[in-house]
Full PDB file with SEQRES, HELIX, SHEET, SSBOND, CRYST1, ORIGX, SCALE, CONECT and MASTER records, all heavy atoms in Angstrom:
SEQRES   1 A   38  VAL THR MET VAL ARG VAL SER GLN ALA LYS PRO VAL ALA          
SEQRES   2 A   38  ALA SER GLY SER ILE ARG LEU THR MET THR SER PRO GLY          
SEQRES   3 A   38  VAL LYS GLN ILE ILE VAL CYS ASN GLY ASN GLU THR              
CRYST1    1.000    1.000    1.000  90.00  90.00  90.00 P 1           1          
ORIGX1      1.000000  0.000000  0.000000        0.00000                         
ORIGX2      0.000000  1.000000  0.000000        0.00000                         
ORIGX3      0.000000  0.000000  1.000000        0.00000                         
SCALE1      1.000000  0.000000  0.000000        0.00000                         
SCALE2      0.000000  1.000000  0.000000        0.00000                         
SCALE3      0.000000  0.000000  1.000000        0.00000                         
ATOM      1  N   VAL A   1       1.616  11.964  13.889  1.00  0.00           N  
ATOM      2  CA  VAL A   1       2.952  12.167  13.331  1.00  0.00           C  
ATOM      3  C   VAL A   1       3.091  11.331  12.062  1.00  0.00           C  
ATOM      4  O   VAL A   1       2.725  10.151  12.031  1.00  0.00           O  
ATOM      5  CB  VAL A   1       4.038  11.773  14.346  1.00  0.00           C  
ATOM      6  CG1 VAL A   1       5.421  11.782  13.684  1.00  0.00           C  
ATOM      7  CG2 VAL A   1       4.017  12.712  15.540  1.00  0.00           C  
ATOM      8  N   THR A   2       3.600  11.921  10.991  1.00  0.00           N  
ATOM      9  CA  THR A   2       3.853  11.187   9.753  1.00  0.00           C  
ATOM     10  C   THR A   2       5.062  10.289   9.968  1.00  0.00           C  
ATOM     11  O   THR A   2       6.195  10.771  10.073  1.00  0.00           O  
ATOM     12  CB  THR A   2       4.129  12.150   8.589  1.00  0.00           C  
ATOM     13  OG1 THR A   2       2.995  13.004   8.427  1.00  0.00           O  
ATOM     14  CG2 THR A   2       4.388  11.386   7.302  1.00  0.00           C  
ATOM     15  N   MET A   3       4.833   8.971  10.036  1.00  0.00           N  
ATOM     16  CA  MET A   3       5.908   8.061  10.399  1.00  0.00           C  
ATOM     17  C   MET A   3       6.867   7.792   9.248  1.00  0.00           C  
ATOM     18  O   MET A   3       8.066   7.671   9.435  1.00  0.00           O  
ATOM     19  CB  MET A   3       5.323   6.753  10.916  1.00  0.00           C  
ATOM     20  CG  MET A   3       4.565   6.914  12.220  1.00  0.00           C  
ATOM     21  SD  MET A   3       5.552   7.694  13.518  1.00  0.00           S  
ATOM     22  CE  MET A   3       6.873   6.522  13.733  1.00  0.00           C  
ATOM     23  N   VAL A   4       6.357   7.665   8.036  1.00  0.00           N  
ATOM     24  CA  VAL A   4       7.199   7.550   6.851  1.00  0.00           C  
ATOM     25  C   VAL A   4       6.696   8.574   5.843  1.00  0.00           C  
ATOM     26  O   VAL A   4       5.526   8.537   5.453  1.00  0.00           O  
ATOM     27  CB  VAL A   4       7.152   6.136   6.234  1.00  0.00           C  
ATOM     28  CG1 VAL A   4       8.011   6.089   4.960  1.00  0.00           C  
ATOM     29  CG2 VAL A   4       7.642   5.097   7.229  1.00  0.00           C  
ATOM     30  N   ARG A   5       7.547   9.495   5.444  1.00  0.00           N  
ATOM     31  CA  ARG A   5       7.138  10.521   4.488  1.00  0.00           C  
ATOM     32  C   ARG A   5       7.271   9.943   3.078  1.00  0.00           C  
ATOM     33  O   ARG A   5       8.357   9.498   2.673  1.00  0.00           O  
ATOM     34  CB  ARG A   5       8.007  11.767   4.653  1.00  0.00           C  
ATOM     35  CG  ARG A   5       7.416  13.011   4.013  1.00  0.00           C  
ATOM     36  CD  ARG A   5       8.129  14.270   4.443  1.00  0.00           C  
ATOM     37  NE  ARG A   5       9.460  14.383   3.871  1.00  0.00           N  
ATOM     38  CZ  ARG A   5      10.578  14.263   4.560  1.00  0.00           C  
ATOM     39  NH1 ARG A   5      10.531  14.005   5.863  1.00  0.00           N  
ATOM     40  NH2 ARG A   5      11.747  14.397   3.973  1.00  0.00           N  
ATOM     41  N   VAL A   6       6.178   9.940   2.333  1.00  0.00           N  
ATOM     42  CA  VAL A   6       6.148   9.343   0.999  1.00  0.00           C  
ATOM     43  C   VAL A   6       5.833  10.428  -0.026  1.00  0.00           C  
ATOM     44  O   VAL A   6       4.848  11.161   0.114  1.00  0.00           O  
ATOM     45  CB  VAL A   6       5.104   8.210   0.917  1.00  0.00           C  
ATOM     46  CG1 VAL A   6       5.125   7.570  -0.468  1.00  0.00           C  
ATOM     47  CG2 VAL A   6       5.370   7.154   1.996  1.00  0.00           C  
ATOM     48  N   SER A   7       6.650  10.517  -1.060  1.00  0.00           N  
ATOM     49  CA  SER A   7       6.450  11.530  -2.090  1.00  0.00           C  
ATOM     50  C   SER A   7       5.376  11.092  -3.076  1.00  0.00           C  
ATOM     51  O   SER A   7       4.990   9.927  -3.135  1.00  0.00           O  
ATOM     52  CB  SER A   7       7.762  11.776  -2.846  1.00  0.00           C  
ATOM     53  OG  SER A   7       8.068  10.641  -3.660  1.00  0.00           O  
ATOM     54  N   GLN A   8       4.923  12.029  -3.870  1.00  0.00           N  
ATOM     55  CA  GLN A   8       4.048  11.704  -4.994  1.00  0.00           C  
ATOM     56  C   GLN A   8       4.872  11.018  -6.086  1.00  0.00           C  
ATOM     57  O   GLN A   8       6.070  11.245  -6.235  1.00  0.00           O  
ATOM     58  CB  GLN A   8       3.411  12.981  -5.544  1.00  0.00           C  
ATOM     59  CG  GLN A   8       2.459  13.667  -4.577  1.00  0.00           C  
ATOM     60  CD  GLN A   8       1.206  12.845  -4.312  1.00  0.00           C  
ATOM     61  OE1 GLN A   8       0.678  12.203  -5.222  1.00  0.00           O  
ATOM     62  NE2 GLN A   8       0.734  12.859  -3.078  1.00  0.00           N  
ATOM     63  N   ALA A   9       4.215  10.164  -6.866  1.00  0.00           N  
ATOM     64  CA  ALA A   9       4.909   9.478  -7.956  1.00  0.00           C  
ATOM     65  C   ALA A   9       5.343  10.479  -9.024  1.00  0.00           C  
ATOM     66  O   ALA A   9       4.600  11.394  -9.375  1.00  0.00           O  
ATOM     67  CB  ALA A   9       4.008   8.413  -8.550  1.00  0.00           C  
ATOM     68  N   LYS A  10       6.556  10.298  -9.532  1.00  0.00           N  
ATOM     69  CA  LYS A  10       7.105  11.158 -10.579  1.00  0.00           C  
ATOM     70  C   LYS A  10       7.685  10.292 -11.696  1.00  0.00           C  
ATOM     71  O   LYS A  10       8.158   9.184 -11.446  1.00  0.00           O  
ATOM     72  CB  LYS A  10       8.211  12.057 -10.019  1.00  0.00           C  
ATOM     73  CG  LYS A  10       7.807  12.931  -8.859  1.00  0.00           C  
ATOM     74  CD  LYS A  10       9.021  13.679  -8.333  1.00  0.00           C  
ATOM     75  CE  LYS A  10       8.677  14.509  -7.111  1.00  0.00           C  
ATOM     76  NZ  LYS A  10       9.880  15.201  -6.562  1.00  0.00           N  
ATOM     77  N   PRO A  11       7.702  10.795 -12.916  1.00  0.00           N  
ATOM     78  CA  PRO A  11       8.364  10.045 -13.999  1.00  0.00           C  
ATOM     79  C   PRO A  11       9.879  10.156 -13.869  1.00  0.00           C  
ATOM     80  O   PRO A  11      10.412  11.200 -13.477  1.00  0.00           O  
ATOM     81  CB  PRO A  11       7.853  10.732 -15.264  1.00  0.00           C  
ATOM     82  CG  PRO A  11       7.497  12.112 -14.828  1.00  0.00           C  
ATOM     83  CD  PRO A  11       7.017  12.007 -13.407  1.00  0.00           C  
ATOM     84  N   VAL A  12      10.565   9.071 -14.199  1.00  0.00           N  
ATOM     85  CA  VAL A  12      12.022   9.101 -14.231  1.00  0.00           C  
ATOM     86  C   VAL A  12      12.470   9.950 -15.412  1.00  0.00           C  
ATOM     87  O   VAL A  12      11.915   9.855 -16.511  1.00  0.00           O  
ATOM     88  CB  VAL A  12      12.594   7.673 -14.353  1.00  0.00           C  
ATOM     89  CG1 VAL A  12      14.125   7.710 -14.433  1.00  0.00           C  
ATOM     90  CG2 VAL A  12      12.139   6.816 -13.175  1.00  0.00           C  
ATOM     91  N   ALA A  13      13.455  10.783 -15.180  1.00  0.00           N  
ATOM     92  CA  ALA A  13      13.956  11.647 -16.258  1.00  0.00           C  
ATOM     93  C   ALA A  13      14.549  10.808 -17.386  1.00  0.00           C  
ATOM     94  O   ALA A  13      15.003   9.679 -17.178  1.00  0.00           O  
ATOM     95  CB  ALA A  13      15.020  12.597 -15.707  1.00  0.00           C  
ATOM     96  N   ALA A  14      14.553  11.366 -18.595  1.00  0.00           N  
ATOM     97  CA  ALA A  14      15.061  10.651 -19.771  1.00  0.00           C  
ATOM     98  C   ALA A  14      16.523  10.261 -19.612  1.00  0.00           C  
ATOM     99  O   ALA A  14      16.990   9.281 -20.201  1.00  0.00           O  
ATOM    100  CB  ALA A  14      14.873  11.513 -21.016  1.00  0.00           C  
ATOM    101  N   SER A  15      17.247  11.008 -18.792  1.00  0.00           N  
ATOM    102  CA  SER A  15      18.655  10.689 -18.546  1.00  0.00           C  
ATOM    103  C   SER A  15      18.829   9.535 -17.565  1.00  0.00           C  
ATOM    104  O   SER A  15      19.938   9.027 -17.396  1.00  0.00           O  
ATOM    105  CB  SER A  15      19.371  11.927 -17.996  1.00  0.00           C  
ATOM    106  OG  SER A  15      18.816  12.294 -16.734  1.00  0.00           O  
ATOM    107  N   GLY A  16      17.729   9.155 -16.908  1.00  0.00           N  
ATOM    108  CA  GLY A  16      17.815   8.121 -15.881  1.00  0.00           C  
ATOM    109  C   GLY A  16      18.413   8.614 -14.583  1.00  0.00           C  
ATOM    110  O   GLY A  16      18.796   7.825 -13.721  1.00  0.00           O  
ATOM    111  N   SER A  17      18.466   9.925 -14.409  1.00  0.00           N  
ATOM    112  CA  SER A  17      19.118  10.527 -13.252  1.00  0.00           C  
ATOM    113  C   SER A  17      18.089  10.918 -12.188  1.00  0.00           C  
ATOM    114  O   SER A  17      17.043  11.488 -12.500  1.00  0.00           O  
ATOM    115  CB  SER A  17      19.925  11.754 -13.684  1.00  0.00           C  
ATOM    116  OG  SER A  17      20.545  12.360 -12.577  1.00  0.00           O  
ATOM    117  N   ILE A  18      18.401  10.601 -10.943  1.00  0.00           N  
ATOM    118  CA  ILE A  18      17.579  11.010  -9.797  1.00  0.00           C  
ATOM    119  C   ILE A  18      18.505  11.628  -8.763  1.00  0.00           C  
ATOM    120  O   ILE A  18      19.572  11.096  -8.458  1.00  0.00           O  
ATOM    121  CB  ILE A  18      16.832   9.816  -9.180  1.00  0.00           C  
ATOM    122  CG1 ILE A  18      15.827   9.230 -10.169  1.00  0.00           C  
ATOM    123  CG2 ILE A  18      16.114  10.234  -7.890  1.00  0.00           C  
ATOM    124  CD1 ILE A  18      15.098   8.007  -9.635  1.00  0.00           C  
ATOM    125  N   ARG A  19      18.094  12.760  -8.236  1.00  0.00           N  
ATOM    126  CA  ARG A  19      18.869  13.432  -7.187  1.00  0.00           C  
ATOM    127  C   ARG A  19      18.095  13.391  -5.875  1.00  0.00           C  
ATOM    128  O   ARG A  19      16.881  13.538  -5.855  1.00  0.00           O  
ATOM    129  CB  ARG A  19      19.160  14.888  -7.572  1.00  0.00           C  
ATOM    130  CG  ARG A  19      20.023  15.040  -8.818  1.00  0.00           C  
ATOM    131  CD  ARG A  19      20.258  16.508  -9.138  1.00  0.00           C  
ATOM    132  NE  ARG A  19      21.046  16.686 -10.334  1.00  0.00           N  
ATOM    133  CZ  ARG A  19      22.389  16.736 -10.362  1.00  0.00           C  
ATOM    134  NH1 ARG A  19      23.060  16.633  -9.222  1.00  0.00           N  
ATOM    135  NH2 ARG A  19      23.035  16.911 -11.497  1.00  0.00           N  
ATOM    136  N   LEU A  20      18.828  13.199  -4.786  1.00  0.00           N  
ATOM    137  CA  LEU A  20      18.197  13.255  -3.478  1.00  0.00           C  
ATOM    138  C   LEU A  20      19.196  13.753  -2.457  1.00  0.00           C  
ATOM    139  O   LEU A  20      20.416  13.689  -2.656  1.00  0.00           O  
ATOM    140  CB  LEU A  20      17.657  11.888  -3.049  1.00  0.00           C  
ATOM    141  CG  LEU A  20      18.651  10.777  -2.702  1.00  0.00           C  
ATOM    142  CD1 LEU A  20      18.021   9.802  -1.718  1.00  0.00           C  
ATOM    143  CD2 LEU A  20      19.068  10.021  -3.942  1.00  0.00           C  
ATOM    144  N   THR A  21      18.667  14.269  -1.354  1.00  0.00           N  
ATOM    145  CA  THR A  21      19.473  14.745  -0.240  1.00  0.00           C  
ATOM    146  C   THR A  21      19.134  13.923   0.989  1.00  0.00           C  
ATOM    147  O   THR A  21      17.959  13.695   1.281  1.00  0.00           O  
ATOM    148  CB  THR A  21      19.218  16.238   0.042  1.00  0.00           C  
ATOM    149  OG1 THR A  21      19.544  16.992  -1.128  1.00  0.00           O  
ATOM    150  CG2 THR A  21      20.053  16.721   1.203  1.00  0.00           C  
ATOM    151  N   MET A  22      20.180  13.473   1.698  1.00  0.00           N  
ATOM    152  CA  MET A  22      19.967  12.690   2.905  1.00  0.00           C  
ATOM    153  C   MET A  22      20.590  13.388   4.095  1.00  0.00           C  
ATOM    154  O   MET A  22      21.645  14.018   3.990  1.00  0.00           O  
ATOM    155  CB  MET A  22      20.577  11.289   2.764  1.00  0.00           C  
ATOM    156  CG  MET A  22      19.818  10.378   1.842  1.00  0.00           C  
ATOM    157  SD  MET A  22      20.322   8.650   2.035  1.00  0.00           S  
ATOM    158  CE  MET A  22      19.729   8.294   3.695  1.00  0.00           C  
ATOM    159  N   THR A  23      19.915  13.285   5.230  1.00  0.00           N  
ATOM    160  CA  THR A  23      20.462  13.746   6.494  1.00  0.00           C  
ATOM    161  C   THR A  23      20.736  12.540   7.372  1.00  0.00           C  
ATOM    162  O   THR A  23      20.110  11.494   7.217  1.00  0.00           O  
ATOM    163  CB  THR A  23      19.494  14.700   7.207  1.00  0.00           C  
ATOM    164  OG1 THR A  23      18.224  14.038   7.375  1.00  0.00           O  
ATOM    165  CG2 THR A  23      19.287  15.970   6.401  1.00  0.00           C  
ATOM    166  N   SER A  24      21.679  12.672   8.268  1.00  0.00           N  
ATOM    167  CA  SER A  24      22.066  11.563   9.137  1.00  0.00           C  
ATOM    168  C   SER A  24      21.548  11.811  10.545  1.00  0.00           C  
ATOM    169  O   SER A  24      21.660  12.919  11.065  1.00  0.00           O  
ATOM    170  CB  SER A  24      23.588  11.427   9.172  1.00  0.00           C  
ATOM    171  OG  SER A  24      23.984  10.356   9.983  1.00  0.00           O  
ATOM    172  N   PRO A  25      21.007  10.806  11.190  1.00  0.00           N  
ATOM    173  CA  PRO A  25      20.749   9.467  10.649  1.00  0.00           C  
ATOM    174  C   PRO A  25      19.510   9.479   9.760  1.00  0.00           C  
ATOM    175  O   PRO A  25      18.627  10.303   9.938  1.00  0.00           O  
ATOM    176  CB  PRO A  25      20.501   8.634  11.898  1.00  0.00           C  
ATOM    177  CG  PRO A  25      19.873   9.611  12.852  1.00  0.00           C  
ATOM    178  CD  PRO A  25      20.565  10.930  12.596  1.00  0.00           C  
ATOM    179  N   GLY A  26      19.457   8.548   8.827  1.00  0.00           N  
ATOM    180  CA  GLY A  26      18.289   8.513   7.959  1.00  0.00           C  
ATOM    181  C   GLY A  26      18.254   7.274   7.088  1.00  0.00           C  
ATOM    182  O   GLY A  26      19.270   6.626   6.842  1.00  0.00           O  
ATOM    183  N   VAL A  27      17.054   6.953   6.637  1.00  0.00           N  
ATOM    184  CA  VAL A  27      16.828   5.892   5.665  1.00  0.00           C  
ATOM    185  C   VAL A  27      15.943   6.485   4.579  1.00  0.00           C  
ATOM    186  O   VAL A  27      14.923   7.115   4.870  1.00  0.00           O  
ATOM    187  CB  VAL A  27      16.135   4.667   6.290  1.00  0.00           C  
ATOM    188  CG1 VAL A  27      15.890   3.583   5.226  1.00  0.00           C  
ATOM    189  CG2 VAL A  27      16.951   4.103   7.449  1.00  0.00           C  
ATOM    190  N   LYS A  28      16.355   6.314   3.325  1.00  0.00           N  
ATOM    191  CA  LYS A  28      15.573   6.826   2.205  1.00  0.00           C  
ATOM    192  C   LYS A  28      15.470   5.720   1.163  1.00  0.00           C  
ATOM    193  O   LYS A  28      16.464   5.131   0.762  1.00  0.00           O  
ATOM    194  CB  LYS A  28      16.219   8.076   1.621  1.00  0.00           C  
ATOM    195  CG  LYS A  28      15.411   8.749   0.530  1.00  0.00           C  
ATOM    196  CD  LYS A  28      15.901  10.164   0.251  1.00  0.00           C  
ATOM    197  CE  LYS A  28      15.506  11.139   1.331  1.00  0.00           C  
ATOM    198  NZ  LYS A  28      15.738  12.558   0.945  1.00  0.00           N  
ATOM    199  N   GLN A  29      14.244   5.451   0.739  1.00  0.00           N  
ATOM    200  CA  GLN A  29      13.993   4.344  -0.184  1.00  0.00           C  
ATOM    201  C   GLN A  29      13.364   4.891  -1.462  1.00  0.00           C  
ATOM    202  O   GLN A  29      12.350   5.585  -1.414  1.00  0.00           O  
ATOM    203  CB  GLN A  29      13.063   3.319   0.472  1.00  0.00           C  
ATOM    204  CG  GLN A  29      12.881   2.029  -0.299  1.00  0.00           C  
ATOM    205  CD  GLN A  29      12.040   1.028   0.498  1.00  0.00           C  
ATOM    206  OE1 GLN A  29      10.843   1.225   0.696  1.00  0.00           O  
ATOM    207  NE2 GLN A  29      12.673  -0.036   0.950  1.00  0.00           N  
ATOM    208  N   ILE A  30      13.993   4.573  -2.582  1.00  0.00           N  
ATOM    209  CA  ILE A  30      13.457   4.934  -3.898  1.00  0.00           C  
ATOM    210  C   ILE A  30      12.915   3.673  -4.546  1.00  0.00           C  
ATOM    211  O   ILE A  30      13.617   2.659  -4.650  1.00  0.00           O  
ATOM    212  CB  ILE A  30      14.536   5.572  -4.787  1.00  0.00           C  
ATOM    213  CG1 ILE A  30      14.954   6.920  -4.203  1.00  0.00           C  
ATOM    214  CG2 ILE A  30      14.027   5.751  -6.210  1.00  0.00           C  
ATOM    215  CD1 ILE A  30      16.072   7.585  -4.969  1.00  0.00           C  
ATOM    216  N   ILE A  31      11.658   3.722  -4.970  1.00  0.00           N  
ATOM    217  CA  ILE A  31      11.027   2.588  -5.642  1.00  0.00           C  
ATOM    218  C   ILE A  31      10.610   3.040  -7.036  1.00  0.00           C  
ATOM    219  O   ILE A  31       9.853   4.001  -7.191  1.00  0.00           O  
ATOM    220  CB  ILE A  31       9.814   2.066  -4.857  1.00  0.00           C  
ATOM    221  CG1 ILE A  31      10.241   1.601  -3.468  1.00  0.00           C  
ATOM    222  CG2 ILE A  31       9.139   0.925  -5.610  1.00  0.00           C  
ATOM    223  CD1 ILE A  31       9.099   1.161  -2.591  1.00  0.00           C  
ATOM    224  N   VAL A  32      11.124   2.345  -8.048  1.00  0.00           N  
ATOM    225  CA  VAL A  32      10.813   2.640  -9.444  1.00  0.00           C  
ATOM    226  C   VAL A  32       9.963   1.498  -9.989  1.00  0.00           C  
ATOM    227  O   VAL A  32      10.274   0.322  -9.767  1.00  0.00           O  
ATOM    228  CB  VAL A  32      12.092   2.784 -10.294  1.00  0.00           C  
ATOM    229  CG1 VAL A  32      11.750   3.235 -11.706  1.00  0.00           C  
ATOM    230  CG2 VAL A  32      13.081   3.738  -9.634  1.00  0.00           C  
ATOM    231  N   CYS A  33       8.895   1.840 -10.680  1.00  0.00           N  
ATOM    232  CA  CYS A  33       7.979   0.830 -11.205  1.00  0.00           C  
ATOM    233  C   CYS A  33       7.689   1.134 -12.671  1.00  0.00           C  
ATOM    234  O   CYS A  33       7.451   2.289 -13.027  1.00  0.00           O  
ATOM    235  CB  CYS A  33       6.680   0.827 -10.399  1.00  0.00           C  
ATOM    236  SG  CYS A  33       5.582  -0.545 -10.751  1.00  0.00           S  
ATOM    237  N   ASN A  34       7.702   0.108 -13.508  1.00  0.00           N  
ATOM    238  CA  ASN A  34       7.448   0.356 -14.930  1.00  0.00           C  
ATOM    239  C   ASN A  34       6.592  -0.717 -15.592  1.00  0.00           C  
ATOM    240  O   ASN A  34       6.661  -0.918 -16.795  1.00  0.00           O  
ATOM    241  CB  ASN A  34       8.767   0.490 -15.694  1.00  0.00           C  
ATOM    242  CG  ASN A  34       9.555  -0.815 -15.752  1.00  0.00           C  
ATOM    243  OD1 ASN A  34       9.138  -1.826 -15.186  1.00  0.00           O  
ATOM    244  ND2 ASN A  34      10.689  -0.796 -16.439  1.00  0.00           N  
ATOM    245  N   GLY A  35       5.761  -1.402 -14.825  1.00  0.00           N  
ATOM    246  CA  GLY A  35       4.921  -2.435 -15.425  1.00  0.00           C  
ATOM    247  C   GLY A  35       3.581  -2.545 -14.728  1.00  0.00           C  
ATOM    248  O   GLY A  35       3.454  -2.228 -13.545  1.00  0.00           O  
ATOM    249  N   ASN A  36       2.576  -2.966 -15.462  1.00  0.00           N  
ATOM    250  CA  ASN A  36       1.266  -3.150 -14.861  1.00  0.00           C  
ATOM    251  C   ASN A  36       1.255  -4.375 -13.961  1.00  0.00           C  
ATOM    252  O   ASN A  36       2.025  -5.314 -14.139  1.00  0.00           O  
ATOM    253  CB  ASN A  36       0.202  -3.305 -15.951  1.00  0.00           C  
ATOM    254  CG  ASN A  36       0.031  -2.030 -16.752  1.00  0.00           C  
ATOM    255  OD1 ASN A  36       0.206  -0.943 -16.220  1.00  0.00           O  
ATOM    256  ND2 ASN A  36      -0.293  -2.170 -18.025  1.00  0.00           N  
ATOM    257  N   GLU A  37       0.369  -4.372 -13.003  1.00  0.00           N  
ATOM    258  CA  GLU A  37       0.225  -5.513 -12.105  1.00  0.00           C  
ATOM    259  C   GLU A  37      -1.190  -5.555 -11.557  1.00  0.00           C  
ATOM    260  O   GLU A  37      -1.915  -4.550 -11.578  1.00  0.00           O  
ATOM    261  CB  GLU A  37       1.231  -5.431 -10.954  1.00  0.00           C  
ATOM    262  CG  GLU A  37       1.072  -4.185 -10.101  1.00  0.00           C  
ATOM    263  CD  GLU A  37       2.068  -4.151  -8.955  1.00  0.00           C  
ATOM    264  OE1 GLU A  37       2.959  -5.007  -8.897  1.00  0.00           O  
ATOM    265  OE2 GLU A  37       1.923  -3.263  -8.116  1.00  0.00           O  
ATOM    266  N   THR A  38      -1.588  -6.694 -11.094  1.00  0.00           N  
ATOM    267  CA  THR A  38      -2.918  -6.862 -10.512  1.00  0.00           C  
ATOM    268  C   THR A  38      -2.834  -6.688  -9.007  1.00  0.00           C  
ATOM    269  O   THR A  38      -2.026  -7.337  -8.340  1.00  0.00           O  
ATOM    270  CB  THR A  38      -3.475  -8.263 -10.841  1.00  0.00           C  
ATOM    271  OG1 THR A  38      -3.529  -8.422 -12.259  1.00  0.00           O  
ATOM    272  CG2 THR A  38      -4.858  -8.431 -10.244  1.00  0.00           C  
TER     273      THR A  38                                                      
MASTER        0    0    0    0    0    0    0    6  272    1    0    3          
END                                                                             
Protein backbone atom coordinates (compact mmCIF):
# COMPACT_ATOMS: atom_id res chain seq x y z
CA VAL A 1 0.00 0.00 0.00
CA THR A 2 1.33 3.47 -0.88
CA MET A 3 1.47 5.04 2.57
CA VAL A 4 2.23 8.61 1.48
CA ARG A 5 1.43 9.59 -2.11
CA VAL A 6 4.18 11.87 -3.44
CA SER A 7 3.86 13.81 -6.69
CA GLN A 8 6.58 14.45 -9.22
CA ALA A 9 8.44 17.75 -8.83
CA LYS A 10 6.90 20.64 -10.79
CA PRO A 11 7.99 24.24 -11.36
CA VAL A 12 6.05 26.91 -9.51
CA ALA A 13 3.96 28.98 -11.90
CA ALA A 14 5.13 32.53 -12.66
CA SER A 15 2.09 33.82 -10.79
CA GLY A 16 3.17 31.97 -7.66
CA SER A 17 -0.19 30.21 -7.63
CA ILE A 18 -0.72 26.56 -6.65
CA ARG A 19 -4.08 24.80 -6.65
CA LEU A 20 -4.93 21.67 -4.73
CA THR A 21 -7.97 19.67 -3.67
CA MET A 22 -8.32 18.15 -0.22
CA THR A 23 -10.68 15.51 1.09
CA SER A 24 -11.54 15.08 4.75
CA PRO A 25 -9.96 13.67 6.73
CA GLY A 26 -6.61 14.39 5.15
CA VAL A 27 -3.14 15.86 5.41
CA LYS A 28 -1.47 17.43 2.38
CA GLN A 29 2.04 18.86 2.44
CA ILE A 30 3.51 21.15 -0.21
CA ILE A 31 7.29 21.54 -0.20
CA VAL A 32 8.88 24.22 -2.37
CA CYS A 33 12.64 24.24 -2.92
CA ASN A 34 14.73 26.81 -4.76
CA GLY A 35 18.36 26.32 -3.76
CA ASN A 36 21.15 23.82 -4.16
CA GLU A 37 22.22 21.72 -1.21
CA THR A 38 24.63 18.93 -0.39
